[in-house]
Structure formats: C-alpha cells, structure tokens
Amino acid sequence: LNIGTSTEAVARELLAHRSLMVVTNNMNVANILVRNPDCDITLTGGTL
C-alpha cells in the first residue's frame, strides 16, 4: 500500500482480513493496520 488518503481508506477496510503481509511506505497505513492482529507489517524506511 503506497502513499495517499485513498490507500489509507483501503487499509481501514482490511482490518478484518486474515493472514496478510503488508509492506508500505506510508506511516499512516502502518498505524491503521496495527489494529489487525493477523497482519504482518513492514515499513520500507526512507526519507520522511
């Protein structure tokens, strides 16, 4: 999931999904998906 308010909206709709591995360069996406206990989250790093 990349940067943007639309992808952040998608993240909210994935909170009930199971067995997801999500990589993102969007810190807001990571903060949303942290509420899904069955989602592994990786932040890419880079310049904020």
All heavy atoms as atom14 arrays in JSON, in Angstrom:
{
  "sequence": "LNIGTSTEAVARELLAHRSLMVVTNNMNVANILVRNPDCDITLTGGTL",
  "atom14_mask": [
    [1, 1, 1, 1, 1, 1, 1, 1, 0, 0, 0, 0, 0, 0],
    [1, 1, 1, 1, 1, 1, 1, 1, 0, 0, 0, 0, 0, 0],
    [1, 1, 1, 1, 1, 1, 1, 1, 0, 0, 0, 0, 0, 0],
    [1, 1, 1, 1, 0, 0, 0, 0, 0, 0, 0, 0, 0, 0],
    [1, 1, 1, 1, 1, 1, 1, 0, 0, 0, 0, 0, 0, 0],
    [1, 1, 1, 1, 1, 1, 0, 0, 0, 0, 0, 0, 0, 0],
    [1, 1, 1, 1, 1, 1, 1, 0, 0, 0, 0, 0, 0, 0],
    [1, 1, 1, 1, 1, 1, 1, 1, 1, 0, 0, 0, 0, 0],
    [1, 1, 1, 1, 1, 0, 0, 0, 0, 0, 0, 0, 0, 0],
    [1, 1, 1, 1, 1, 1, 1, 0, 0, 0, 0, 0, 0, 0],
    [1, 1, 1, 1, 1, 0, 0, 0, 0, 0, 0, 0, 0, 0],
    [1, 1, 1, 1, 1, 1, 1, 1, 1, 1, 1, 0, 0, 0],
    [1, 1, 1, 1, 1, 1, 1, 1, 1, 0, 0, 0, 0, 0],
    [1, 1, 1, 1, 1, 1, 1, 1, 0, 0, 0, 0, 0, 0],
    [1, 1, 1, 1, 1, 1, 1, 1, 0, 0, 0, 0, 0, 0],
    [1, 1, 1, 1, 1, 0, 0, 0, 0, 0, 0, 0, 0, 0],
    [1, 1, 1, 1, 1, 1, 1, 1, 1, 1, 0, 0, 0, 0],
    [1, 1, 1, 1, 1, 1, 1, 1, 1, 1, 1, 0, 0, 0],
    [1, 1, 1, 1, 1, 1, 0, 0, 0, 0, 0, 0, 0, 0],
    [1, 1, 1, 1, 1, 1, 1, 1, 0, 0, 0, 0, 0, 0],
    [1, 1, 1, 1, 1, 1, 1, 1, 0, 0, 0, 0, 0, 0],
    [1, 1, 1, 1, 1, 1, 1, 0, 0, 0, 0, 0, 0, 0],
    [1, 1, 1, 1, 1, 1, 1, 0, 0, 0, 0, 0, 0, 0],
    [1, 1, 1, 1, 1, 1, 1, 0, 0, 0, 0, 0, 0, 0],
    [1, 1, 1, 1, 1, 1, 1, 1, 0, 0, 0, 0, 0, 0],
    [1, 1, 1, 1, 1, 1, 1, 1, 0, 0, 0, 0, 0, 0],
    [1, 1, 1, 1, 1, 1, 1, 1, 0, 0, 0, 0, 0, 0],
    [1, 1, 1, 1, 1, 1, 1, 1, 0, 0, 0, 0, 0, 0],
    [1, 1, 1, 1, 1, 1, 1, 0, 0, 0, 0, 0, 0, 0],
    [1, 1, 1, 1, 1, 0, 0, 0, 0, 0, 0, 0, 0, 0],
    [1, 1, 1, 1, 1, 1, 1, 1, 0, 0, 0, 0, 0, 0],
    [1, 1, 1, 1, 1, 1, 1, 1, 0, 0, 0, 0, 0, 0],
    [1, 1, 1, 1, 1, 1, 1, 1, 0, 0, 0, 0, 0, 0],
    [1, 1, 1, 1, 1, 1, 1, 0, 0, 0, 0, 0, 0, 0],
    [1, 1, 1, 1, 1, 1, 1, 1, 1, 1, 1, 0, 0, 0],
    [1, 1, 1, 1, 1, 1, 1, 1, 0, 0, 0, 0, 0, 0],
    [1, 1, 1, 1, 1, 1, 1, 0, 0, 0, 0, 0, 0, 0],
    [1, 1, 1, 1, 1, 1, 1, 1, 0, 0, 0, 0, 0, 0],
    [1, 1, 1, 1, 1, 1, 0, 0, 0, 0, 0, 0, 0, 0],
    [1, 1, 1, 1, 1, 1, 1, 1, 0, 0, 0, 0, 0, 0],
    [1, 1, 1, 1, 1, 1, 1, 1, 0, 0, 0, 0, 0, 0],
    [1, 1, 1, 1, 1, 1, 1, 0, 0, 0, 0, 0, 0, 0],
    [1, 1, 1, 1, 1, 1, 1, 1, 0, 0, 0, 0, 0, 0],
    [1, 1, 1, 1, 1, 1, 1, 0, 0, 0, 0, 0, 0, 0],
    [1, 1, 1, 1, 0, 0, 0, 0, 0, 0, 0, 0, 0, 0],
    [1, 1, 1, 1, 0, 0, 0, 0, 0, 0, 0, 0, 0, 0],
    [1, 1, 1, 1, 1, 1, 1, 0, 0, 0, 0, 0, 0, 0],
    [1, 1, 1, 1, 1, 1, 1, 1, 0, 0, 0, 0, 0, 0]
  ],
  "atom14_positions": [
    [[0.87, -1.18, 0.0], [0.0, 0.0, 0.0], [0.9, 1.23, 0.0], [1.75, 1.38, 0.88], [-0.9, 0.03, 1.23], [-1.93, -1.1, 1.36], [-2.66, -0.99, 2.69], [-2.94, -1.05, 0.24], [0.0, 0.0, 0.0], [0.0, 0.0, 0.0], [0.0, 0.0, 0.0], [0.0, 0.0, 0.0], [0.0, 0.0, 0.0], [0.0, 0.0, 0.0]],
    [[0.7, 2.12, -0.97], [1.6, 3.27, -1.04], [1.02, 4.51, -0.37], [0.06, 4.44, 0.39], [2.02, 3.53, -2.5], [0.97, 4.25, -3.32], [-0.22, 4.27, -2.99], [1.4, 4.85, -4.41], [0.0, 0.0, 0.0], [0.0, 0.0, 0.0], [0.0, 0.0, 0.0], [0.0, 0.0, 0.0], [0.0, 0.0, 0.0], [0.0, 0.0, 0.0]],
    [[1.6, 5.66, -0.65], [1.22, 6.91, 0.0], [-0.12, 7.41, -0.56], [-0.37, 7.31, -1.76], [2.29, 7.99, -0.24], [3.65, 7.52, 0.3], [1.91, 9.3, 0.41], [4.8, 8.42, -0.09], [0.0, 0.0, 0.0], [0.0, 0.0, 0.0], [0.0, 0.0, 0.0], [0.0, 0.0, 0.0], [0.0, 0.0, 0.0], [0.0, 0.0, 0.0]],
    [[-0.96, 7.94, 0.32], [-2.18, 8.57, -0.15], [-3.36, 8.31, 0.75], [-3.42, 7.31, 1.47], [0.0, 0.0, 0.0], [0.0, 0.0, 0.0], [0.0, 0.0, 0.0], [0.0, 0.0, 0.0], [0.0, 0.0, 0.0], [0.0, 0.0, 0.0], [0.0, 0.0, 0.0], [0.0, 0.0, 0.0], [0.0, 0.0, 0.0], [0.0, 0.0, 0.0]],
    [[-4.33, 9.21, 0.71], [-5.53, 9.06, 1.53], [-6.42, 7.94, 1.02], [-7.17, 7.33, 1.8], [-6.32, 10.38, 1.59], [-6.63, 10.81, 0.26], [-5.51, 11.47, 2.27], [0.0, 0.0, 0.0], [0.0, 0.0, 0.0], [0.0, 0.0, 0.0], [0.0, 0.0, 0.0], [0.0, 0.0, 0.0], [0.0, 0.0, 0.0], [0.0, 0.0, 0.0]],
    [[-6.36, 7.63, -0.27], [-7.17, 6.53, -0.81], [-6.65, 5.19, -0.32], [-7.43, 4.29, 0.03], [-7.17, 6.58, -2.34], [-7.83, 7.73, -2.81], [0.0, 0.0, 0.0], [0.0, 0.0, 0.0], [0.0, 0.0, 0.0], [0.0, 0.0, 0.0], [0.0, 0.0, 0.0], [0.0, 0.0, 0.0], [0.0, 0.0, 0.0], [0.0, 0.0, 0.0]],
    [[-5.32, 5.02, -0.31], [-4.77, 3.75, 0.18], [-4.96, 3.63, 1.69], [-5.11, 2.52, 2.21], [-3.28, 3.62, -0.19], [-2.57, 4.81, 0.22], [-3.11, 3.43, -1.68], [0.0, 0.0, 0.0], [0.0, 0.0, 0.0], [0.0, 0.0, 0.0], [0.0, 0.0, 0.0], [0.0, 0.0, 0.0], [0.0, 0.0, 0.0], [0.0, 0.0, 0.0]],
    [[-4.98, 4.74, 2.39], [-5.28, 4.7, 3.83], [-6.72, 4.22, 4.06], [-7.0, 3.46, 5.0], [-5.05, 6.07, 4.46], [-3.57, 6.44, 4.52], [-3.33, 7.91, 4.79], [-4.24, 8.58, 5.31], [-2.22, 8.39, 4.48], [0.0, 0.0, 0.0], [0.0, 0.0, 0.0], [0.0, 0.0, 0.0], [0.0, 0.0, 0.0], [0.0, 0.0, 0.0]],
    [[-7.64, 4.65, 3.19], [-9.02, 4.16, 3.27], [-9.08, 2.66, 3.02], [-9.83, 1.94, 3.68], [-9.9, 4.9, 2.27], [0.0, 0.0, 0.0], [0.0, 0.0, 0.0], [0.0, 0.0, 0.0], [0.0, 0.0, 0.0], [0.0, 0.0, 0.0], [0.0, 0.0, 0.0], [0.0, 0.0, 0.0], [0.0, 0.0, 0.0], [0.0, 0.0, 0.0]],
    [[-8.27, 2.17, 2.08], [-8.21, 0.72, 1.83], [-7.7, -0.01, 3.07], [-8.24, -1.06, 3.44], [-7.31, 0.41, 0.61], [-7.12, -1.1, 0.45], [-7.91, 1.0, -0.66], [0.0, 0.0, 0.0], [0.0, 0.0, 0.0], [0.0, 0.0, 0.0], [0.0, 0.0, 0.0], [0.0, 0.0, 0.0], [0.0, 0.0, 0.0], [0.0, 0.0, 0.0]],
    [[-6.69, 0.54, 3.7], [-6.15, -0.09, 4.91], [-7.23, -0.28, 5.96], [-7.3, -1.33, 6.63], [-5.0, 0.74, 5.47], [0.0, 0.0, 0.0], [0.0, 0.0, 0.0], [0.0, 0.0, 0.0], [0.0, 0.0, 0.0], [0.0, 0.0, 0.0], [0.0, 0.0, 0.0], [0.0, 0.0, 0.0], [0.0, 0.0, 0.0], [0.0, 0.0, 0.0]],
    [[-8.11, 0.7, 6.12], [-9.2, 0.57, 7.11], [-10.14, -0.57, 6.77], [-10.71, -1.21, 7.65], [-9.97, 1.9, 7.2], [-9.15, 3.04, 7.76], [-9.98, 4.3, 7.95], [-9.1, 5.43, 8.28], [-8.64, 6.29, 7.41], [-8.99, 6.21, 6.13], [-7.83, 7.27, 7.78], [0.0, 0.0, 0.0], [0.0, 0.0, 0.0], [0.0, 0.0, 0.0]],
    [[-10.32, -0.82, 5.48], [-11.2, -1.9, 5.05], [-10.54, -3.27, 5.12], [-11.19, -4.29, 4.88], [-11.7, -1.64, 3.62], [-12.51, -0.37, 3.46], [-13.77, -0.35, 4.31], [-14.35, -1.44, 4.53], [-14.17, 0.75, 4.77], [0.0, 0.0, 0.0], [0.0, 0.0, 0.0], [0.0, 0.0, 0.0], [0.0, 0.0, 0.0], [0.0, 0.0, 0.0]],
    [[-9.25, -3.31, 5.44], [-8.52, -4.58, 5.54], [-8.34, -5.04, 6.98], [-7.67, -6.04, 7.23], [-7.14, -4.44, 4.89], [-7.11, -4.22, 3.37], [-5.68, -3.95, 2.9], [-7.69, -5.42, 2.63], [0.0, 0.0, 0.0], [0.0, 0.0, 0.0], [0.0, 0.0, 0.0], [0.0, 0.0, 0.0], [0.0, 0.0, 0.0], [0.0, 0.0, 0.0]],
    [[-8.98, -4.35, 7.92], [-8.76, -4.68, 9.32], [-9.31, -6.05, 9.71], [-8.87, -6.64, 10.7], [-9.39, -3.59, 10.21], [-8.66, -2.24, 10.2], [-9.41, -1.21, 11.03], [-7.23, -2.4, 10.7], [0.0, 0.0, 0.0], [0.0, 0.0, 0.0], [0.0, 0.0, 0.0], [0.0, 0.0, 0.0], [0.0, 0.0, 0.0], [0.0, 0.0, 0.0]],
    [[-10.27, -6.56, 8.93], [-10.82, -7.89, 9.24], [-10.19, -8.99, 8.39], [-10.52, -10.17, 8.56], [-12.33, -7.89, 9.03], [0.0, 0.0, 0.0], [0.0, 0.0, 0.0], [0.0, 0.0, 0.0], [0.0, 0.0, 0.0], [0.0, 0.0, 0.0], [0.0, 0.0, 0.0], [0.0, 0.0, 0.0], [0.0, 0.0, 0.0], [0.0, 0.0, 0.0]],
    [[-9.3, -8.63, 7.47], [-8.64, -9.63, 6.63], [-7.67, -10.47, 7.47], [-7.12, -10.0, 8.46], [-7.88, -8.97, 5.48], [-8.74, -8.69, 4.28], [-9.91, -7.97, 4.36], [-8.59, -9.04, 2.96], [-10.44, -7.88, 3.15], [-9.67, -8.53, 2.29], [0.0, 0.0, 0.0], [0.0, 0.0, 0.0], [0.0, 0.0, 0.0], [0.0, 0.0, 0.0]],
    [[-7.45, -11.68, 7.02], [-6.58, -12.59, 7.76], [-5.36, -12.98, 6.94], [-5.39, -13.01, 5.71], [-7.37, -13.86, 8.15], [-8.49, -13.59, 9.15], [-7.89, -13.2, 10.51], [-8.91, -12.75, 11.47], [-9.13, -11.5, 11.79], [-8.43, -10.52, 11.22], [-10.03, -11.18, 12.69], [0.0, 0.0, 0.0], [0.0, 0.0, 0.0], [0.0, 0.0, 0.0]],
    [[-4.28, -13.25, 7.66], [-3.02, -13.74, 7.07], [-2.5, -12.83, 5.97], [-2.14, -13.28, 4.88], [-3.21, -15.17, 6.54], [-3.6, -16.04, 7.55], [0.0, 0.0, 0.0], [0.0, 0.0, 0.0], [0.0, 0.0, 0.0], [0.0, 0.0, 0.0], [0.0, 0.0, 0.0], [0.0, 0.0, 0.0], [0.0, 0.0, 0.0], [0.0, 0.0, 0.0]],
    [[-2.45, -11.54, 6.27], [-1.9, -10.59, 5.32], [-0.46, -10.25, 5.7], [-0.12, -10.14, 6.88], [-2.7, -9.28, 5.32], [-4.1, -9.28, 4.72], [-4.69, -7.87, 4.82], [-4.09, -9.75, 3.27], [0.0, 0.0, 0.0], [0.0, 0.0, 0.0], [0.0, 0.0, 0.0], [0.0, 0.0, 0.0], [0.0, 0.0, 0.0], [0.0, 0.0, 0.0]],
    [[0.36, -10.07, 4.66], [1.68, -9.46, 4.85], [1.65, -8.15, 4.07], [1.49, -8.15, 2.86], [2.79, -10.34, 4.32], [4.15, -9.67, 4.36], [5.42, -10.55, 3.47], [6.76, -9.35, 3.56], [0.0, 0.0, 0.0], [0.0, 0.0, 0.0], [0.0, 0.0, 0.0], [0.0, 0.0, 0.0], [0.0, 0.0, 0.0], [0.0, 0.0, 0.0]],
    [[1.75, -7.04, 4.78], [1.65, -5.72, 4.15], [2.98, -5.0, 4.26], [3.55, -4.89, 5.35], [0.54, -4.88, 4.79], [0.56, -3.46, 4.23], [-0.82, -5.52, 4.54], [0.0, 0.0, 0.0], [0.0, 0.0, 0.0], [0.0, 0.0, 0.0], [0.0, 0.0, 0.0], [0.0, 0.0, 0.0], [0.0, 0.0, 0.0], [0.0, 0.0, 0.0]],
    [[3.47, -4.53, 3.14], [4.63, -3.65, 3.09], [4.11, -2.27, 2.67], [3.26, -2.17, 1.79], [5.69, -4.15, 2.09], [6.92, -3.25, 2.12], [6.07, -5.59, 2.4], [0.0, 0.0, 0.0], [0.0, 0.0, 0.0], [0.0, 0.0, 0.0], [0.0, 0.0, 0.0], [0.0, 0.0, 0.0], [0.0, 0.0, 0.0], [0.0, 0.0, 0.0]],
    [[4.62, -1.22, 3.29], [4.13, 0.11, 2.97], [5.2, 1.16, 3.18], [6.11, 0.99, 4.0], [2.88, 0.46, 3.83], [2.36, 1.73, 3.43], [3.22, 0.47, 5.3], [0.0, 0.0, 0.0], [0.0, 0.0, 0.0], [0.0, 0.0, 0.0], [0.0, 0.0, 0.0], [0.0, 0.0, 0.0], [0.0, 0.0, 0.0], [0.0, 0.0, 0.0]],
    [[5.1, 2.23, 2.41], [5.93, 3.42, 2.65], [5.07, 4.56, 3.19], [5.42, 5.73, 3.05], [6.66, 3.86, 1.37], [5.71, 4.28, 0.27], [4.6, 3.76, 0.14], [6.15, 5.22, -0.57], [0.0, 0.0, 0.0], [0.0, 0.0, 0.0], [0.0, 0.0, 0.0], [0.0, 0.0, 0.0], [0.0, 0.0, 0.0], [0.0, 0.0, 0.0]],
    [[3.96, 4.18, 3.82], [3.0, 5.13, 4.36], [2.84, 4.85, 5.85], [2.25, 3.84, 6.25], [1.66, 4.97, 3.63], [0.63, 6.01, 4.03], [0.69, 6.58, 5.11], [-0.32, 6.25, 3.14], [0.0, 0.0, 0.0], [0.0, 0.0, 0.0], [0.0, 0.0, 0.0], [0.0, 0.0, 0.0], [0.0, 0.0, 0.0], [0.0, 0.0, 0.0]],
    [[3.36, 5.73, 6.69], [3.29, 5.51, 8.13], [1.86, 5.49, 8.64], [1.54, 4.81, 9.62], [4.11, 6.58, 8.86], [5.61, 6.48, 8.58], [6.59, 7.71, 9.48], [6.36, 7.15, 11.17], [0.0, 0.0, 0.0], [0.0, 0.0, 0.0], [0.0, 0.0, 0.0], [0.0, 0.0, 0.0], [0.0, 0.0, 0.0], [0.0, 0.0, 0.0]],
    [[0.97, 6.23, 7.98], [-0.44, 6.22, 8.38], [-1.07, 4.86, 8.14], [-1.88, 4.38, 8.94], [-1.2, 7.31, 7.63], [-0.64, 8.69, 7.88], [-0.37, 9.05, 9.03], [-0.45, 9.47, 6.83], [0.0, 0.0, 0.0], [0.0, 0.0, 0.0], [0.0, 0.0, 0.0], [0.0, 0.0, 0.0], [0.0, 0.0, 0.0], [0.0, 0.0, 0.0]],
    [[-0.73, 4.22, 7.01], [-1.21, 2.87, 6.74], [-0.76, 1.9, 7.83], [-1.54, 1.08, 8.33], [-0.73, 2.39, 5.35], [-0.85, 0.87, 5.22], [-1.53, 3.07, 4.25], [0.0, 0.0, 0.0], [0.0, 0.0, 0.0], [0.0, 0.0, 0.0], [0.0, 0.0, 0.0], [0.0, 0.0, 0.0], [0.0, 0.0, 0.0], [0.0, 0.0, 0.0]],
    [[0.51, 1.99, 8.21], [1.03, 1.1, 9.26], [0.28, 1.32, 10.58], [-0.07, 0.36, 11.28], [2.52, 1.34, 9.46], [0.0, 0.0, 0.0], [0.0, 0.0, 0.0], [0.0, 0.0, 0.0], [0.0, 0.0, 0.0], [0.0, 0.0, 0.0], [0.0, 0.0, 0.0], [0.0, 0.0, 0.0], [0.0, 0.0, 0.0], [0.0, 0.0, 0.0]],
    [[0.0, 2.57, 10.92], [-0.71, 2.87, 12.17], [-2.16, 2.38, 12.14], [-2.72, 2.05, 13.19], [-0.68, 4.38, 12.43], [0.68, 4.86, 12.92], [1.4, 4.11, 13.58], [1.03, 6.07, 12.58], [0.0, 0.0, 0.0], [0.0, 0.0, 0.0], [0.0, 0.0, 0.0], [0.0, 0.0, 0.0], [0.0, 0.0, 0.0], [0.0, 0.0, 0.0]],
    [[-2.76, 2.35, 10.97], [-4.12, 1.81, 10.83], [-4.11, 0.3, 10.97], [-4.88, -0.28, 11.76], [-4.73, 2.22, 9.47], [-4.98, 3.74, 9.42], [-6.04, 1.45, 9.22], [-5.25, 4.26, 8.02], [0.0, 0.0, 0.0], [0.0, 0.0, 0.0], [0.0, 0.0, 0.0], [0.0, 0.0, 0.0], [0.0, 0.0, 0.0], [0.0, 0.0, 0.0]],
    [[-3.22, -0.36, 10.24], [-3.23, -1.82, 10.19], [-2.66, -2.47, 11.45], [-2.84, -3.68, 11.64], [-2.45, -2.3, 8.96], [-3.17, -2.12, 7.63], [-2.26, -2.47, 6.47], [-4.43, -2.99, 7.58], [0.0, 0.0, 0.0], [0.0, 0.0, 0.0], [0.0, 0.0, 0.0], [0.0, 0.0, 0.0], [0.0, 0.0, 0.0], [0.0, 0.0, 0.0]],
    [[-2.01, -1.7, 12.3], [-1.51, -2.28, 13.54], [-2.66, -2.83, 14.39], [-2.45, -3.69, 15.26], [-0.67, -1.24, 14.32], [-1.56, -0.2, 14.99], [0.24, -1.91, 15.33], [0.0, 0.0, 0.0], [0.0, 0.0, 0.0], [0.0, 0.0, 0.0], [0.0, 0.0, 0.0], [0.0, 0.0, 0.0], [0.0, 0.0, 0.0], [0.0, 0.0, 0.0]],
    [[-3.89, -2.38, 14.12], [-5.06, -2.87, 14.85], [-5.52, -4.25, 14.37], [-6.4, -4.85, 14.98], [-6.21, -1.87, 14.74], [-5.84, -0.46, 15.24], [-7.07, 0.38, 15.53], [-7.92, 0.58, 14.37], [-7.78, 1.59, 13.52], [-6.79, 2.47, 13.68], [-8.6, 1.74, 12.51], [0.0, 0.0, 0.0], [0.0, 0.0, 0.0], [0.0, 0.0, 0.0]],
    [[-4.96, -4.7, 13.26], [-5.29, -6.04, 12.75], [-4.24, -7.02, 13.27], [-3.1, -7.01, 12.82], [-5.3, -6.05, 11.23], [-5.68, -7.4, 10.64], [-5.65, -8.43, 11.33], [-6.04, -7.42, 9.37], [0.0, 0.0, 0.0], [0.0, 0.0, 0.0], [0.0, 0.0, 0.0], [0.0, 0.0, 0.0], [0.0, 0.0, 0.0], [0.0, 0.0, 0.0]],
    [[-4.59, -7.89, 14.23], [-3.59, -8.78, 14.82], [-3.08, -9.86, 13.87], [-2.08, -10.51, 14.16], [-4.33, -9.4, 16.02], [-5.77, -9.35, 15.62], [-5.93, -8.09, 14.81], [0.0, 0.0, 0.0], [0.0, 0.0, 0.0], [0.0, 0.0, 0.0], [0.0, 0.0, 0.0], [0.0, 0.0, 0.0], [0.0, 0.0, 0.0], [0.0, 0.0, 0.0]],
    [[-3.78, -10.06, 12.76], [-3.39, -11.1, 11.81], [-2.76, -10.5, 10.56], [-2.88, -11.04, 9.46], [-4.61, -11.95, 11.43], [-4.22, -13.34, 10.96], [-3.06, -13.72, 11.15], [-5.09, -14.05, 10.4], [0.0, 0.0, 0.0], [0.0, 0.0, 0.0], [0.0, 0.0, 0.0], [0.0, 0.0, 0.0], [0.0, 0.0, 0.0], [0.0, 0.0, 0.0]],
    [[-2.08, -9.37, 10.74], [-1.44, -8.68, 9.62], [0.01, -8.36, 10.0], [0.25, -7.64, 10.97], [-2.2, -7.4, 9.28], [-1.47, -6.43, 7.96], [0.0, 0.0, 0.0], [0.0, 0.0, 0.0], [0.0, 0.0, 0.0], [0.0, 0.0, 0.0], [0.0, 0.0, 0.0], [0.0, 0.0, 0.0], [0.0, 0.0, 0.0], [0.0, 0.0, 0.0]],
    [[0.95, -8.9, 9.25], [2.36, -8.56, 9.44], [2.65, -7.29, 8.64], [2.3, -7.2, 7.46], [3.26, -9.69, 8.97], [3.16, -10.93, 9.83], [2.88, -10.78, 11.04], [3.33, -12.04, 9.3], [0.0, 0.0, 0.0], [0.0, 0.0, 0.0], [0.0, 0.0, 0.0], [0.0, 0.0, 0.0], [0.0, 0.0, 0.0], [0.0, 0.0, 0.0]],
    [[3.31, -6.34, 9.27], [3.52, -5.02, 8.66], [5.01, -4.73, 8.58], [5.74, -4.86, 9.56], [2.84, -3.91, 9.48], [1.36, -4.21, 9.7], [3.01, -2.55, 8.79], [0.73, -3.39, 10.8], [0.0, 0.0, 0.0], [0.0, 0.0, 0.0], [0.0, 0.0, 0.0], [0.0, 0.0, 0.0], [0.0, 0.0, 0.0], [0.0, 0.0, 0.0]],
    [[5.45, -4.31, 7.39], [6.84, -3.89, 7.19], [6.85, -2.49, 6.61], [6.21, -2.22, 5.59], [7.57, -4.84, 6.22], [7.59, -6.16, 6.77], [9.0, -4.37, 5.99], [0.0, 0.0, 0.0], [0.0, 0.0, 0.0], [0.0, 0.0, 0.0], [0.0, 0.0, 0.0], [0.0, 0.0, 0.0], [0.0, 0.0, 0.0], [0.0, 0.0, 0.0]],
    [[7.57, -1.58, 7.27], [7.78, -0.24, 6.74], [9.07, -0.21, 5.94], [10.08, -0.8, 6.36], [7.85, 0.78, 7.88], [6.52, 1.32, 8.41], [6.73, 2.0, 9.76], [5.91, 2.3, 7.42], [0.0, 0.0, 0.0], [0.0, 0.0, 0.0], [0.0, 0.0, 0.0], [0.0, 0.0, 0.0], [0.0, 0.0, 0.0], [0.0, 0.0, 0.0]],
    [[9.05, 0.46, 4.82], [10.21, 0.44, 3.93], [11.39, 1.24, 4.46], [12.53, 0.96, 4.09], [9.84, 1.03, 2.56], [9.41, 2.39, 2.73], [8.75, 0.22, 1.89], [0.0, 0.0, 0.0], [0.0, 0.0, 0.0], [0.0, 0.0, 0.0], [0.0, 0.0, 0.0], [0.0, 0.0, 0.0], [0.0, 0.0, 0.0], [0.0, 0.0, 0.0]],
    [[11.14, 2.25, 5.28], [12.21, 3.19, 5.58], [12.34, 4.2, 4.46], [11.64, 4.14, 3.44], [0.0, 0.0, 0.0], [0.0, 0.0, 0.0], [0.0, 0.0, 0.0], [0.0, 0.0, 0.0], [0.0, 0.0, 0.0], [0.0, 0.0, 0.0], [0.0, 0.0, 0.0], [0.0, 0.0, 0.0], [0.0, 0.0, 0.0], [0.0, 0.0, 0.0]],
    [[13.24, 5.14, 4.62], [13.43, 6.19, 3.63], [13.31, 7.56, 4.27], [13.27, 7.7, 5.5], [0.0, 0.0, 0.0], [0.0, 0.0, 0.0], [0.0, 0.0, 0.0], [0.0, 0.0, 0.0], [0.0, 0.0, 0.0], [0.0, 0.0, 0.0], [0.0, 0.0, 0.0], [0.0, 0.0, 0.0], [0.0, 0.0, 0.0], [0.0, 0.0, 0.0]],
    [[13.26, 8.58, 3.45], [13.15, 9.95, 3.93], [11.69, 10.27, 4.26], [10.81, 10.09, 3.42], [13.65, 10.94, 2.86], [15.02, 10.64, 2.55], [13.55, 12.38, 3.35], [0.0, 0.0, 0.0], [0.0, 0.0, 0.0], [0.0, 0.0, 0.0], [0.0, 0.0, 0.0], [0.0, 0.0, 0.0], [0.0, 0.0, 0.0], [0.0, 0.0, 0.0]],
    [[11.45, 10.74, 5.48], [10.08, 11.02, 5.92], [9.6, 12.34, 5.32], [10.24, 13.38, 5.45], [10.02, 11.12, 7.45], [8.68, 11.56, 8.04], [7.59, 10.54, 7.72], [8.8, 11.78, 9.54], [0.0, 0.0, 0.0], [0.0, 0.0, 0.0], [0.0, 0.0, 0.0], [0.0, 0.0, 0.0], [0.0, 0.0, 0.0], [0.0, 0.0, 0.0]]
  ]
}
